C-alpha atoms as a PDB file:
ATOM      1  CA  UNK A   1      12.718 -15.824  -9.062  1.00  0.00           C
ATOM      2  CA  UNK A   2      14.679 -14.060  -6.359  1.00  0.00           C
ATOM      3  CA  UNK A   3      14.941 -10.414  -5.252  1.00  0.00           C
ATOM      4  CA  UNK A   4      17.905  -9.251  -3.168  1.00  0.00           C
ATOM      5  CA  UNK A   5      19.325  -6.039  -1.714  1.00  0.00           C
ATOM      6  CA  UNK A   6      22.546  -5.169   0.106  1.00  0.00           C
ATOM      7  CA  UNK A   7      20.814  -2.283   1.928  1.00  0.00           C
ATOM      8  CA  UNK A   8      19.206  -4.474   4.625  1.00  0.00           C
ATOM      9  CA  UNK A   9      18.460  -8.118   5.377  1.00  0.00           C
ATOM     10  CA  UNK A  10      14.954  -9.510   4.952  1.00  0.00           C
ATOM     11  CA  UNK A  11      12.813  -8.508   7.980  1.00  0.00           C
ATOM     12  CA  UNK A  12      15.705  -6.460   9.421  1.00  0.00           C
ATOM     13  CA  UNK A  13      15.712  -2.702  10.193  1.00  0.00           C
ATOM     14  CA  UNK A  14      16.063  -0.323   7.248  1.00  0.00           C
ATOM     15  CA  UNK A  15      19.016   2.085   7.728  1.00  0.00           C
ATOM     16  CA  UNK A  16      18.104   5.753   8.047  1.00  0.00           C
ATOM     17  CA  UNK A  17      19.812   6.741   4.790  1.00  0.00           C
ATOM     18  CA  UNK A  18      16.979   4.985   2.913  1.00  0.00           C
ATOM     19  CA  UNK A  19      14.240   6.687   4.942  1.00  0.00           C
ATOM     20  CA  UNK A  20      12.359   9.936   4.403  1.00  0.00           C
ATOM     21  CA  UNK A  21      12.986  10.867   8.025  1.00  0.00           C
ATOM     22  CA  UNK A  22      14.961   9.763  11.092  1.00  0.00           C
ATOM     23  CA  UNK A  23      14.458  10.292  14.819  1.00  0.00           C
ATOM     24  CA  UNK A  24      15.262  13.721  16.223  1.00  0.00           C
ATOM     25  CA  UNK A  25      15.480  13.925  20.046  1.00  0.00           C
ATOM     26  CA  UNK A  26      13.935  17.402  20.124  1.00  0.00           C
ATOM     27  CA  UNK A  27      11.566  17.689  17.149  1.00  0.00           C
ATOM     28  CA  UNK A  28      10.680  13.948  17.036  1.00  0.00           C
ATOM     29  CA  UNK A  29      11.779  13.655  13.380  1.00  0.00           C
ATOM     30  CA  UNK A  30      14.081  15.262  10.836  1.00  0.00           C
ATOM     31  CA  UNK A  31      14.511  14.705   7.110  1.00  0.00           C
ATOM     32  CA  UNK A  32      16.988  12.042   6.057  1.00  0.00           C
ATOM     33  CA  UNK A  33      18.937  10.795   3.021  1.00  0.00           C
ATOM     34  CA  UNK A  34      15.869   9.343   1.291  1.00  0.00           C
ATOM     35  CA  UNK A  35      17.969   7.195  -1.077  1.00  0.00           C
ATOM     36  CA  UNK A  36      16.367   4.298  -2.868  1.00  0.00           C
ATOM     37  CA  UNK A  37      17.870   0.928  -1.837  1.00  0.00           C
ATOM     38  CA  UNK A  38      19.724  -1.174  -4.386  1.00  0.00           C
ATOM     39  CA  UNK A  39      18.094  -4.291  -5.824  1.00  0.00           C
ATOM     40  CA  UNK A  40      19.126  -7.216  -7.964  1.00  0.00           C
ATOM     41  CA  UNK A  41      17.104 -10.131  -9.308  1.00  0.00           C
ATOM     42  CA  UNK A  42      17.793 -13.591 -10.616  1.00  0.00           C
ATOM     43  CA  UNK A  43      15.987 -16.496 -12.308  1.00  0.00           C
ATOM     44  CA  UNK A  44      13.210 -14.593 -14.039  1.00  0.00           C
ATOM     45  CA  UNK A  45      10.516 -16.934 -15.373  1.00  0.00           C
ATOM     46  CA  UNK A  46      10.271 -17.784 -19.050  1.00  0.00           C
ATOM     47  CA  UNK A  47       8.036 -15.376 -20.915  1.00  0.00           C
ATOM     48  CA  UNK A  48       8.916 -12.324 -18.809  1.00  0.00           C
ATOM     49  CA  UNK A  49       8.410  -9.232 -20.983  1.00  0.00           C
ATOM     50  CA  UNK A  50       8.720  -6.556 -18.296  1.00  0.00           C
ATOM     51  CA  UNK A  51       9.205  -6.105 -14.556  1.00  0.00           C
ATOM     52  CA  UNK A  52       7.510  -3.911 -11.971  1.00  0.00           C
ATOM     53  CA  UNK A  53       8.883  -2.972  -8.556  1.00  0.00           C
ATOM     54  CA  UNK A  54       6.468  -1.846  -5.864  1.00  0.00           C
ATOM     55  CA  UNK A  55       7.131  -0.834  -2.250  1.00  0.00           C
ATOM     56  CA  UNK A  56       4.231  -0.561   0.154  1.00  0.00           C
ATOM     57  CA  UNK A  57       3.762  -0.191   3.895  1.00  0.00           C
ATOM     58  CA  UNK A  58       0.798  -2.325   5.063  1.00  0.00           C
ATOM     59  CA  UNK A  59       0.911  -0.916   8.613  1.00  0.00           C
ATOM     60  CA  UNK A  60      -0.362   2.643   8.122  1.00  0.00           C
ATOM     61  CA  UNK A  61      -3.072   3.701  10.623  1.00  0.00           C
ATOM     62  CA  UNK A  62      -6.556   3.551   9.130  1.00  0.00           C
ATOM     63  CA  UNK A  63      -7.492   6.662  11.141  1.00  0.00           C
ATOM     64  CA  UNK A  64      -5.391   9.789  11.521  1.00  0.00           C
ATOM     65  CA  UNK A  65      -6.841  11.175  14.773  1.00  0.00           C
ATOM     66  CA  UNK A  66      -3.793  10.341  16.885  1.00  0.00           C
ATOM     67  CA  UNK A  67      -1.066  10.548  14.226  1.00  0.00           C
ATOM     68  CA  UNK A  68       1.929  12.554  15.484  1.00  0.00           C
ATOM     69  CA  UNK A  69      -0.073  14.044  18.343  1.00  0.00           C
ATOM     70  CA  UNK A  70       1.833  14.856  21.539  1.00  0.00           C
ATOM     71  CA  UNK A  71       0.626  12.978  24.600  1.00  0.00           C
ATOM     72  CA  UNK A  72      -1.185  10.378  22.493  1.00  0.00           C
ATOM     73  CA  UNK A  73      -0.188   7.126  20.834  1.00  0.00           C
ATOM     74  CA  UNK A  74      -1.483   5.042  17.947  1.00  0.00           C
ATOM     75  CA  UNK A  75      -2.602   1.717  19.434  1.00  0.00           C
ATOM     76  CA  UNK A  76      -1.285  -1.508  17.986  1.00  0.00           C
ATOM     77  CA  UNK A  77      -4.883  -2.755  17.760  1.00  0.00           C
ATOM     78  CA  UNK A  78      -5.915  -0.087  15.234  1.00  0.00           C
ATOM     79  CA  UNK A  79      -6.765  -1.526  11.768  1.00  0.00           C
ATOM     80  CA  UNK A  80      -4.080  -0.782   9.188  1.00  0.00           C
ATOM     81  CA  UNK A  81      -4.074   0.119   5.474  1.00  0.00           C
ATOM     82  CA  UNK A  82      -1.561   0.236   2.617  1.00  0.00           C
ATOM     83  CA  UNK A  83       0.654   3.224   1.789  1.00  0.00           C
ATOM     84  CA  UNK A  84       2.667   3.051  -1.449  1.00  0.00           C
ATOM     85  CA  UNK A  85       6.240   4.338  -1.336  1.00  0.00           C
ATOM     86  CA  UNK A  86       7.425   3.342  -4.819  1.00  0.00           C
ATOM     87  CA  UNK A  87       5.823   2.205  -8.054  1.00  0.00           C
ATOM     88  CA  UNK A  88       8.226   1.527 -10.943  1.00  0.00           C
ATOM     89  CA  UNK A  89       6.909  -0.246 -14.055  1.00  0.00           C
ATOM     90  CA  UNK A  90       8.060  -1.169 -17.575  1.00  0.00           C
ATOM     91  CA  UNK A  91      11.496  -2.282 -16.382  1.00  0.00           C
ATOM     92  CA  UNK A  92      13.169  -4.216 -19.202  1.00  0.00           C
ATOM     93  CA  UNK A  93      13.835  -7.844 -18.200  1.00  0.00           C
ATOM     94  CA  UNK A  94      17.417  -7.434 -19.441  1.00  0.00           C
ATOM     95  CA  UNK A  95      18.042  -4.830 -16.711  1.00  0.00           C
ATOM     96  CA  UNK A  96      20.362  -6.470 -14.135  1.00  0.00           C
ATOM     97  CA  UNK A  97      19.173  -4.413 -11.167  1.00  0.00           C
ATOM     98  CA  UNK A  98      18.882  -0.981  -9.570  1.00  0.00           C
ATOM     99  CA  UNK A  99      21.740   0.900  -7.897  1.00  0.00           C
ATOM    100  CA  UNK A 100      21.419   2.838  -4.655  1.00  0.00           C
ATOM    101  CA  UNK A 101      20.347   6.444  -5.042  1.00  0.00           C
ATOM    102  CA  UNK A 102      19.632   6.255  -8.782  1.00  0.00           C
ATOM    103  CA  UNK A 103      15.918   6.951  -8.394  1.00  0.00           C
ATOM    104  CA  UNK A 104      15.978   9.022  -5.201  1.00  0.00           C
ATOM    105  CA  UNK A 105      18.640  10.926  -3.288  1.00  0.00           C
ATOM    106  CA  UNK A 106      17.301  13.379  -0.724  1.00  0.00           C
ATOM    107  CA  UNK A 107      13.838  14.734  -0.003  1.00  0.00           C
ATOM    108  CA  UNK A 108      12.459  16.924  -2.801  1.00  0.00           C
ATOM    109  CA  UNK A 109       9.723  19.333  -1.716  1.00  0.00           C
ATOM    110  CA  UNK A 110       6.673  19.043  -4.012  1.00  0.00           C
ATOM    111  CA  UNK A 111       8.010  15.743  -5.327  1.00  0.00           C
ATOM    112  CA  UNK A 112      10.409  14.503  -7.953  1.00  0.00           C
ATOM    113  CA  UNK A 113       9.461  14.707 -11.658  1.00  0.00           C
ATOM    114  CA  UNK A 114       7.946  11.831 -13.607  1.00  0.00           C
ATOM    115  CA  UNK A 115       6.641   9.544 -14.927  1.00  0.00           C
ATOM    116  CA  UNK A 116       9.765   9.029 -17.053  1.00  0.00           C
ATOM    117  CA  UNK A 117      12.447   6.921 -15.345  1.00  0.00           C
ATOM    118  CA  UNK A 118      15.859   5.658 -16.529  1.00  0.00           C
ATOM    119  CA  UNK A 119      16.094   3.065 -19.310  1.00  0.00           C
ATOM    120  CA  UNK A 120      12.529   3.496 -20.531  1.00  0.00           C
ATOM    121  CA  UNK A 121      10.816   2.587 -17.256  1.00  0.00           C
ATOM    122  CA  UNK A 122       8.011   4.675 -15.729  1.00  0.00           C
ATOM    123  CA  UNK A 123       7.364   5.883 -12.200  1.00  0.00           C
ATOM    124  CA  UNK A 124       3.936   6.138 -10.657  1.00  0.00           C
ATOM    125  CA  UNK A 125       3.115   8.638  -7.932  1.00  0.00           C
ATOM    126  CA  UNK A 126       3.569   7.428  -4.374  1.00  0.00           C
ATOM    127  CA  UNK A 127       1.161   8.146  -1.531  1.00  0.00           C
ATOM    128  CA  UNK A 128       3.050  11.164  -0.233  1.00  0.00           C
ATOM    129  CA  UNK A 129       1.147  12.881  -3.052  1.00  0.00           C
ATOM    130  CA  UNK A 130      -2.040  12.578  -1.012  1.00  0.00           C
ATOM    131  CA  UNK A 131      -0.366  12.980   2.379  1.00  0.00           C
ATOM    132  CA  UNK A 132       1.059  16.410   1.482  1.00  0.00           C
ATOM    133  CA  UNK A 133      -1.916  17.580  -0.587  1.00  0.00           C
ATOM    134  CA  UNK A 134      -2.981  20.155   2.000  1.00  0.00           C
ATOM    135  CA  UNK A 135       0.539  21.434   2.769  1.00  0.00           C
ATOM    136  CA  UNK A 136       1.318  24.657   0.891  1.00  0.00           C
ATOM    137  CA  UNK A 137       5.067  24.061   1.089  1.00  0.00           C
ATOM    138  CA  UNK A 138       5.097  20.360   0.173  1.00  0.00           C
ATOM    139  CA  UNK A 139       2.065  19.707  -2.063  1.00  0.00           C
ATOM    140  CA  UNK A 140       2.815  18.163  -5.445  1.00  0.00           C
ATOM    141  CA  UNK A 141       3.089  14.926  -7.397  1.00  0.00           C
ATOM    142  CA  UNK A 142       5.563  12.607  -5.676  1.00  0.00           C
ATOM    143  CA  UNK A 143       6.881  10.346  -8.430  1.00  0.00           C
ATOM    144  CA  UNK A 144       9.290   7.514  -7.725  1.00  0.00           C
ATOM    145  CA  UNK A 145      10.718   6.458  -4.379  1.00  0.00           C
ATOM    146  CA  UNK A 146      10.215   8.271  -1.088  1.00  0.00           C
ATOM    147  CA  UNK A 147      11.200   6.258   1.954  1.00  0.00           C
ATOM    148  CA  UNK A 148       9.778   5.446   5.385  1.00  0.00           C
ATOM    149  CA  UNK A 149       8.298   8.114   7.634  1.00  0.00           C
ATOM    150  CA  UNK A 150       5.853   6.323   9.954  1.00  0.00           C
ATOM    151  CA  UNK A 151       4.107   8.266  12.744  1.00  0.00           C
ATOM    152  CA  UNK A 152       6.525   8.966  15.588  1.00  0.00           C
ATOM    153  CA  UNK A 153       3.920   7.919  18.151  1.00  0.00           C
ATOM    154  CA  UNK A 154       2.943   4.566  16.613  1.00  0.00           C
ATOM    155  CA  UNK A 155       3.107   1.601  18.987  1.00  0.00           C
ATOM    156  CA  UNK A 156       4.221  -0.802  16.263  1.00  0.00           C
ATOM    157  CA  UNK A 157       7.128  -0.840  13.804  1.00  0.00           C
ATOM    158  CA  UNK A 158       6.123  -0.627  10.166  1.00  0.00           C
ATOM    159  CA  UNK A 159       6.982  -3.115   7.442  1.00  0.00           C
ATOM    160  CA  UNK A 160       8.147  -1.977   4.014  1.00  0.00           C
ATOM    161  CA  UNK A 161       7.548  -4.678   1.429  1.00  0.00           C
ATOM    162  CA  UNK A 162       9.526  -4.377  -1.807  1.00  0.00           C
ATOM    163  CA  UNK A 163       7.984  -6.701  -4.396  1.00  0.00           C
ATOM    164  CA  UNK A 164       9.266  -7.469  -7.872  1.00  0.00           C
ATOM    165  CA  UNK A 165       6.674  -8.693 -10.374  1.00  0.00           C
ATOM    166  CA  UNK A 166       7.577 -10.550 -13.574  1.00  0.00           C
ATOM    167  CA  UNK A 167       4.902  -9.665 -16.150  1.00  0.00           C
ATOM    168  CA  UNK A 168       3.854 -11.121 -19.479  1.00  0.00           C
ATOM    169  CA  UNK A 169       3.310  -7.669 -21.068  1.00  0.00           C
ATOM    170  CA  UNK A 170       6.034  -5.267 -22.296  1.00  0.00           C
ATOM    171  CA  UNK A 171       4.183  -2.179 -21.054  1.00  0.00           C
ATOM    172  CA  UNK A 172       1.725  -1.967 -18.194  1.00  0.00           C
ATOM    173  CA  UNK A 173      -1.683  -0.515 -19.054  1.00  0.00           C
ATOM    174  CA  UNK A 174      -1.487   2.579 -16.839  1.00  0.00           C
ATOM    175  CA  UNK A 175      -1.154   6.207 -17.910  1.00  0.00           C
ATOM    176  CA  UNK A 176      -0.344   9.638 -16.496  1.00  0.00           C
ATOM    177  CA  UNK A 177       0.003  10.010 -12.744  1.00  0.00           C
ATOM    178  CA  UNK A 178      -0.881   6.402 -12.000  1.00  0.00           C
ATOM    179  CA  UNK A 179      -0.911   5.129  -8.412  1.00  0.00           C
ATOM    180  CA  UNK A 180       0.207   1.947  -6.729  1.00  0.00           C
ATOM    181  CA  UNK A 181      -3.403   0.790  -6.460  1.00  0.00           C
ATOM    182  CA  UNK A 182      -3.940   1.375 -10.185  1.00  0.00           C
ATOM    183  CA  UNK A 183      -0.746  -0.509 -11.032  1.00  0.00           C
ATOM    184  CA  UNK A 184      -1.933  -3.468  -8.943  1.00  0.00           C
ATOM    185  CA  UNK A 185      -5.193  -3.595 -10.857  1.00  0.00           C
ATOM    186  CA  UNK A 186      -3.405  -3.340 -14.222  1.00  0.00           C
ATOM    187  CA  UNK A 187      -1.102  -6.231 -13.279  1.00  0.00           C
ATOM    188  CA  UNK A 188      -4.065  -8.508 -12.659  1.00  0.00           C
ATOM    189  CA  UNK A 189      -3.797 -11.595 -14.846  1.00  0.00           C
ATOM    190  CA  UNK A 190      -0.300 -10.658 -16.078  1.00  0.00           C
ATOM    191  CA  UNK A 191       1.922 -11.742 -13.157  1.00  0.00           C
ATOM    192  CA  UNK A 192       4.091 -14.733 -14.006  1.00  0.00           C
ATOM    193  CA  UNK A 193       5.911 -14.730 -10.674  1.00  0.00           C
ATOM    194  CA  UNK A 194       6.794 -12.396  -7.817  1.00  0.00           C
ATOM    195  CA  UNK A 195       9.470 -12.086  -5.138  1.00  0.00           C
ATOM    196  CA  UNK A 196       9.811  -9.729  -2.189  1.00  0.00           C
ATOM    197  CA  UNK A 197      12.143  -8.370   0.468  1.00  0.00           C
ATOM    198  CA  UNK A 198      10.775  -6.712   3.617  1.00  0.00           C
ATOM    199  CA  UNK A 199      12.429  -4.129   5.863  1.00  0.00           C
ATOM    200  CA  UNK A 200      11.195  -2.705   9.157  1.00  0.00           C
ATOM    201  CA  UNK A 201      11.282   0.872  10.443  1.00  0.00           C
ATOM    202  CA  UNK A 202      10.064   3.090  13.285  1.00  0.00           C
ATOM    203  CA  UNK A 203      10.421   6.698  14.379  1.00  0.00           C
ATOM    204  CA  UNK A 204       9.227   5.893  17.907  1.00  0.00           C
ATOM    205  CA  UNK A 205      12.232   5.566  20.257  1.00  0.00           C
ATOM    206  CA  UNK A 206      10.153   3.373  22.559  1.00  0.00           C
ATOM    207  CA  UNK A 207       9.530   0.727  19.880  1.00  0.00           C
ATOM    208  CA  UNK A 208      12.013  -2.051  19.263  1.00  0.00           C
ATOM    209  CA  UNK A 209      12.804  -3.293  15.791  1.00  0.00           C
END
């Protein structure tokens, strides 16, 4: 099984149009195009009854004390945790791929609607749901894709891992506002094969990609 995109090469920088935010020389960051990248897949394994596409960032700081704080930086040595940017399940195996901007085009305050997605698929909520929970202007359920927005003072670039899972069930056993972590648990024992593409991104001008 193979997963490909024309938006960026594997382990290469992700262009700003696919990010939640880009560098701003005055305010550190500004909102960006936030378009979902395009994806195509080939050679699905026999017995595939549905697909799931998950994007996660494994490089998110495990502590928020220094996040986006002027005069401070997030050390590279800090332990890191996962942050889910996209959870799309129940994709029909006959679907040839996903076009750019179909699932996300621009930042939507309080989040895009869901869980219904095109062609009978379902979106889970991404982890911006928790990140913005205490923000009166942005709080809401963030369904679907919302792109990179790592801390602007992080010493390391972040990786964004897009993984396609071929599953032996036609519908994943998750309901309501399900999360990336819940989708992972539900996929346990049902993954026939998986393939991934990884992009890299930073909002720190001092960090090289």
